[in-house]
C-alpha atoms as a PDB file:
ATOM      1  CA  MET A   1     -15.593 -45.647  -1.155  1.00  0.00           C
ATOM      2  CA  SER A   2     -12.135 -47.121  -2.277  1.00  0.00           C
ATOM      3  CA  THR A   3      -8.811 -46.017  -0.830  1.00  0.00           C
ATOM      4  CA  THR A   4      -7.637 -44.407  -3.931  1.00  0.00           C
ATOM      5  CA  THR A   5     -10.704 -42.266  -4.104  1.00  0.00           C
ATOM      6  CA  SER A   6     -10.380 -41.151  -0.444  1.00  0.00           C
ATOM      7  CA  ILE A   7      -6.783 -40.175  -1.211  1.00  0.00           C
ATOM      8  CA  LEU A   8      -7.576 -38.255  -4.276  1.00  0.00           C
ATOM      9  CA  ILE A   9     -10.404 -36.402  -2.308  1.00  0.00           C
ATOM     10  CA  GLY A  10      -7.992 -35.658   0.476  1.00  0.00           C
ATOM     11  CA  VAL A  11      -5.190 -34.303  -1.813  1.00  0.00           C
ATOM     12  CA  ALA A  12      -7.896 -32.316  -3.766  1.00  0.00           C
ATOM     13  CA  LEU A  13      -9.123 -30.684  -0.409  1.00  0.00           C
ATOM     14  CA  VAL A  14      -5.413 -29.861   0.802  1.00  0.00           C
ATOM     15  CA  ALA A  15      -4.491 -28.521  -2.675  1.00  0.00           C
ATOM     16  CA  GLY A  16      -7.672 -26.294  -2.712  1.00  0.00           C
ATOM     17  CA  GLY A  17      -6.893 -25.019   0.768  1.00  0.00           C
ATOM     18  CA  VAL A  18      -3.323 -24.211  -0.146  1.00  0.00           C
ATOM     19  CA  LEU A  19      -4.427 -22.325  -3.296  1.00  0.00           C
ATOM     20  CA  TRP A  20      -7.146 -20.523  -1.448  1.00  0.00           C
ATOM     21  CA  TYR A  21      -4.451 -19.424   0.953  1.00  0.00           C
ATOM     22  CA  LEU A  22      -2.072 -18.336  -1.598  1.00  0.00           C
ATOM     23  CA  PHE A  23      -4.409 -16.404  -3.762  1.00  0.00           C
ATOM     24  CA  ARG A  24      -7.060 -15.297  -1.130  1.00  0.00           C
ATOM     25  CA  PRO A  25      -9.846 -14.604  -3.730  1.00  0.00           C
ATOM     26  CA  ASP A  26     -12.079 -13.396  -0.845  1.00  0.00           C
ATOM     27  CA  ALA A  27      -9.603 -10.378  -0.308  1.00  0.00           C
ATOM     28  CA  LEU A  28     -10.388  -9.332  -4.102  1.00  0.00           C
ATOM     29  CA  VAL A  29     -14.054  -8.742  -3.227  1.00  0.00           C
ATOM     30  CA  LEU A  30     -14.141  -7.714   0.375  1.00  0.00           C
ATOM     31  CA  ASN A  31     -13.460  -4.114   1.228  1.00  0.00           C
ATOM     32  CA  LYS A  32     -12.080  -2.935   4.508  1.00  0.00           C
ATOM     33  CA  THR A  33     -12.807   0.732   5.359  1.00  0.00           C
ATOM     34  CA  VAL A  34     -10.688   2.705   7.772  1.00  0.00           C
ATOM     35  CA  ASN A  35     -11.010   6.122   8.971  1.00  0.00           C
ATOM     36  CA  GLU A  36      -8.022   7.082  11.118  1.00  0.00           C
ATOM     37  CA  PRO A  37      -7.804  10.534  12.645  1.00  0.00           C
ATOM     38  CA  PHE A  38      -5.029  12.861  11.754  1.00  0.00           C
ATOM     39  CA  PRO A  39      -2.213  12.182  14.227  1.00  0.00           C
ATOM     40  CA  GLY A  40      -1.311  16.032  14.578  1.00  0.00           C
ATOM     41  CA  ALA A  41      -4.742  16.979  15.401  1.00  0.00           C
ATOM     42  CA  GLY A  42      -4.442  19.865  17.779  1.00  0.00           C
ATOM     43  CA  GLN A  43      -0.802  20.217  17.071  1.00  0.00           C
ATOM     44  CA  SER A  44       0.980  22.350  14.569  1.00  0.00           C
ATOM     45  CA  SER A  45       2.014  20.252  11.584  1.00  0.00           C
ATOM     46  CA  LEU A  46       3.743  21.060   8.217  1.00  0.00           C
ATOM     47  CA  ALA A  47       2.680  19.398   4.827  1.00  0.00           C
ATOM     48  CA  GLU A  48       6.039  18.483   3.045  1.00  0.00           C
ATOM     49  CA  SER A  49       5.029  16.780   0.098  1.00  0.00           C
ATOM     50  CA  GLN A  50       1.743  15.580  -1.665  1.00  0.00           C
ATOM     51  CA  GLY A  51       0.737  13.792  -4.697  1.00  0.00           C
ATOM     52  CA  THR A  52      -2.570  12.311  -6.297  1.00  0.00           C
ATOM     53  CA  PHE A  53      -2.736   8.557  -6.785  1.00  0.00           C
ATOM     54  CA  HIS A  54      -3.040   7.197 -10.472  1.00  0.00           C
ATOM     55  CA  SER A  55      -4.054   3.605 -11.218  1.00  0.00           C
ATOM     56  CA  ASN A  56      -1.597   0.934 -12.335  1.00  0.00           C
ATOM     57  CA  ALA A  57      -2.955  -2.612 -12.132  1.00  0.00           C
ATOM     58  CA  HIS A  58      -6.041  -1.752 -10.183  1.00  0.00           C
ATOM     59  CA  GLU A  59      -7.974   1.459 -10.033  1.00  0.00           C
ATOM     60  CA  THR A  60      -6.517   3.571  -7.209  1.00  0.00           C
ATOM     61  CA  LYS A  61      -7.610   7.014  -6.024  1.00  0.00           C
ATOM     62  CA  GLY A  62      -6.989   9.488  -3.442  1.00  0.00           C
ATOM     63  CA  VAL A  63      -4.256  11.938  -2.132  1.00  0.00           C
ATOM     64  CA  ALA A  64      -0.950  11.028  -0.334  1.00  0.00           C
ATOM     65  CA  THR A  65       0.522  13.718   1.909  1.00  0.00           C
ATOM     66  CA  ILE A  66       3.634  13.609   4.131  1.00  0.00           C
ATOM     67  CA  TYR A  67       3.390  15.784   7.194  1.00  0.00           C
ATOM     68  CA  GLN A  68       6.123  16.891   9.712  1.00  0.00           C
ATOM     69  CA  LEU A  69       4.305  16.721  13.097  1.00  0.00           C
ATOM     70  CA  ALA A  70       5.349  19.213  15.862  1.00  0.00           C
ATOM     71  CA  GLU A  71       7.036  16.542  17.985  1.00  0.00           C
ATOM     72  CA  GLY A  72       9.349  15.847  14.953  1.00  0.00           C
ATOM     73  CA  ARG A  73       7.866  12.809  13.732  1.00  0.00           C
ATOM     74  CA  ARG A  74       6.767  12.406  10.013  1.00  0.00           C
ATOM     75  CA  VAL A  75       3.602  10.704   8.811  1.00  0.00           C
ATOM     76  CA  LEU A  76       2.261   9.730   5.385  1.00  0.00           C
ATOM     77  CA  ARG A  77      -1.453  10.317   5.265  1.00  0.00           C
ATOM     78  CA  LEU A  78      -3.752   8.811   2.650  1.00  0.00           C
ATOM     79  CA  THR A  79      -7.120  10.772   2.298  1.00  0.00           C
ATOM     80  CA  GLU A  80     -10.100  10.197  -0.047  1.00  0.00           C
ATOM     81  CA  PHE A  81      -8.267   6.864  -0.715  1.00  0.00           C
ATOM     82  CA  SER A  82      -9.615   3.954  -2.281  1.00  0.00           C
ATOM     83  CA  THR A  83      -7.996   0.740  -4.309  1.00  0.00           C
ATOM     84  CA  SER A  84      -8.751  -2.871  -4.691  1.00  0.00           C
ATOM     85  CA  ASN A  85      -8.210  -5.201  -1.839  1.00  0.00           C
ATOM     86  CA  GLY A  86      -5.902  -8.144  -2.152  1.00  0.00           C
ATOM     87  CA  PRO A  87      -3.526 -10.428  -0.272  1.00  0.00           C
ATOM     88  CA  ASP A  88      -0.378  -8.924   1.310  1.00  0.00           C
ATOM     89  CA  VAL A  89      -0.826  -5.186  -0.007  1.00  0.00           C
ATOM     90  CA  ARG A  90       1.827  -2.908   1.257  1.00  0.00           C
ATOM     91  CA  VAL A  91       2.593   0.836   1.333  1.00  0.00           C
ATOM     92  CA  TYR A  92       5.976   1.639  -0.256  1.00  0.00           C
ATOM     93  CA  ILE A  93       7.748   4.903  -0.724  1.00  0.00           C
ATOM     94  CA  VAL A  94       9.758   4.518  -3.785  1.00  0.00           C
ATOM     95  CA  ALA A  95      13.100   6.402  -4.692  1.00  0.00           C
ATOM     96  CA  ALA A  96      11.685   7.445  -8.131  1.00  0.00           C
ATOM     97  CA  THR A  97       9.623  10.475  -9.370  1.00  0.00           C
ATOM     98  CA  ASP A  98       6.694   8.031 -10.374  1.00  0.00           C
ATOM     99  CA  VAL A  99       6.002   4.518 -10.301  1.00  0.00           C
ATOM    100  CA  GLN A 100       4.456   2.810 -13.429  1.00  0.00           C
ATOM    101  CA  GLU A 101       6.491  -0.397 -13.896  1.00  0.00           C
ATOM    102  CA  GLU A 102       7.225  -2.891 -11.125  1.00  0.00           C
ATOM    103  CA  ASP A 103      10.791  -3.606 -12.237  1.00  0.00           C
ATOM    104  CA  ALA A 104      11.728   0.216 -12.311  1.00  0.00           C
ATOM    105  CA  ALA A 105      10.403   0.428  -8.663  1.00  0.00           C
ATOM    106  CA  LYS A 106      12.493  -2.407  -7.314  1.00  0.00           C
ATOM    107  CA  ARG A 107      15.629  -1.015  -9.252  1.00  0.00           C
ATOM    108  CA  ALA A 108      15.037   2.533  -7.763  1.00  0.00           C
ATOM    109  CA  GLY A 109      14.626   1.351  -4.159  1.00  0.00           C
ATOM    110  CA  ILE A 110      11.842   0.881  -1.850  1.00  0.00           C
ATOM    111  CA  VAL A 111      11.010   1.589   1.789  1.00  0.00           C
ATOM    112  CA  ASP A 112       8.121  -0.571   3.097  1.00  0.00           C
ATOM    113  CA  LEU A 113       5.841   1.369   5.412  1.00  0.00           C
ATOM    114  CA  GLY A 114       3.732  -1.384   6.423  1.00  0.00           C
ATOM    115  CA  ALA A 115       0.510  -3.441   5.490  1.00  0.00           C
ATOM    116  CA  LEU A 116      -2.298  -1.313   3.828  1.00  0.00           C
ATOM    117  CA  ARG A 117      -4.721  -0.960   6.786  1.00  0.00           C
ATOM    118  CA  GLY A 118      -7.807  -0.704   4.494  1.00  0.00           C
ATOM    119  CA  ASN A 119      -8.508  -0.479   0.866  1.00  0.00           C
ATOM    120  CA  ILE A 120     -10.918   2.460   1.441  1.00  0.00           C
ATOM    121  CA  GLY A 121     -10.519   5.515   3.819  1.00  0.00           C
ATOM    122  CA  ASP A 122      -8.216   7.890   5.430  1.00  0.00           C
ATOM    123  CA  GLN A 123      -5.135   6.171   7.109  1.00  0.00           C
ATOM    124  CA  ASN A 124      -1.501   7.127   8.506  1.00  0.00           C
ATOM    125  CA  TYR A 125       1.707   5.515   7.973  1.00  0.00           C
ATOM    126  CA  ASP A 126       4.973   6.531   9.793  1.00  0.00           C
ATOM    127  CA  VAL A 127       7.856   7.538   7.800  1.00  0.00           C
ATOM    128  CA  PRO A 128      11.298   7.195   8.902  1.00  0.00           C
ATOM    129  CA  ALA A 129      12.849  10.476  10.057  1.00  0.00           C
ATOM    130  CA  GLU A 130      16.101   9.841   8.157  1.00  0.00           C
ATOM    131  CA  LEU A 131      14.283   9.026   4.799  1.00  0.00           C
ATOM    132  CA  ASP A 132      15.387  11.591   2.118  1.00  0.00           C
ATOM    133  CA  LEU A 133      12.286  12.984   0.601  1.00  0.00           C
ATOM    134  CA  ASN A 134      14.395  14.544  -2.242  1.00  0.00           C
ATOM    135  CA  LYS A 135      15.132  11.119  -3.280  1.00  0.00           C
ATOM    136  CA  TYR A 136      11.939   8.908  -2.270  1.00  0.00           C
ATOM    137  CA  ARG A 137       9.490  10.979  -4.163  1.00  0.00           C
ATOM    138  CA  ALA A 138       6.637   8.286  -4.977  1.00  0.00           C
ATOM    139  CA  VAL A 139       4.257   6.360  -2.925  1.00  0.00           C
ATOM    140  CA  SER A 140       3.112   3.054  -4.251  1.00  0.00           C
ATOM    141  CA  ILE A 141       0.286   0.671  -3.090  1.00  0.00           C
ATOM    142  CA  TRP A 142       1.964  -2.834  -3.886  1.00  0.00           C
ATOM    143  CA  CYS A 143       0.807  -6.484  -3.645  1.00  0.00           C
ATOM    144  CA  ARG A 144       3.855  -8.177  -2.269  1.00  0.00           C
ATOM    145  CA  ARG A 145       2.388 -11.683  -2.872  1.00  0.00           C
ATOM    146  CA  PHE A 146       1.997 -11.150  -6.735  1.00  0.00           C
ATOM    147  CA  SER A 147       4.647  -8.421  -7.085  1.00  0.00           C
ATOM    148  CA  VAL A 148       1.958  -6.010  -8.636  1.00  0.00           C
ATOM    149  CA  ASN A 149       1.714  -2.194  -8.230  1.00  0.00           C
ATOM    150  CA  PHE A 150      -1.994  -1.411  -7.822  1.00  0.00           C
ATOM    151  CA  GLY A 151      -1.299   2.513  -8.151  1.00  0.00           C
ATOM    152  CA  ALA A 152       1.025   5.175  -7.168  1.00  0.00           C
ATOM    153  CA  ALA A 153       1.251   8.795  -6.196  1.00  0.00           C
ATOM    154  CA  PRO A 154       4.076  10.962  -7.461  1.00  0.00           C
ATOM    155  CA  LEU A 155       4.983  13.470  -4.443  1.00  0.00           C
ATOM    156  CA  ALA A 156       5.799  17.082  -5.068  1.00  0.00           C
ATOM    157  CA  SER A 157       7.551  19.125  -2.628  1.00  0.00           C
ATOM    158  CA  LEU A 158       5.279  21.871  -0.980  1.00  0.00           C
ATOM    159  CA  HIS A 159       8.114  24.042  -0.014  1.00  0.00           C
ATOM    160  CA  ARG A 160      10.698  24.888  -2.819  1.00  0.00           C
END
């Protein structure tokens, strides 16, 4: 094997590894199921707002509910949840009534609640106590790597 061929093979392997890392095609087909218990079990809790997910770039289903727990902490709970998997998928609360377009969400303002724990199942995310739920009224499942909104849940107040 010539030196040129060895170099080309080496470059192709490195480029393939980099592309795999960036695009993570395995994350698109592998599901991760989580089933976290409700954090306020055995305590009194109050559901403050709730919404049903609609699909945007990927089919997304389930219910998003923000609870005020007895100790004062607020939690976003996703139930009966499912969406596609992907690289660097995040849970955002958006300062808008709904999220269809990516640019609109970015302009409105977002709060990142963390990495999606699983693309299937019930899960919980802490919501900052100071977050104004009159302003931040939608939950978005967002692939940060590709700036794609998988799906969103417009939140409606349960106490008007």
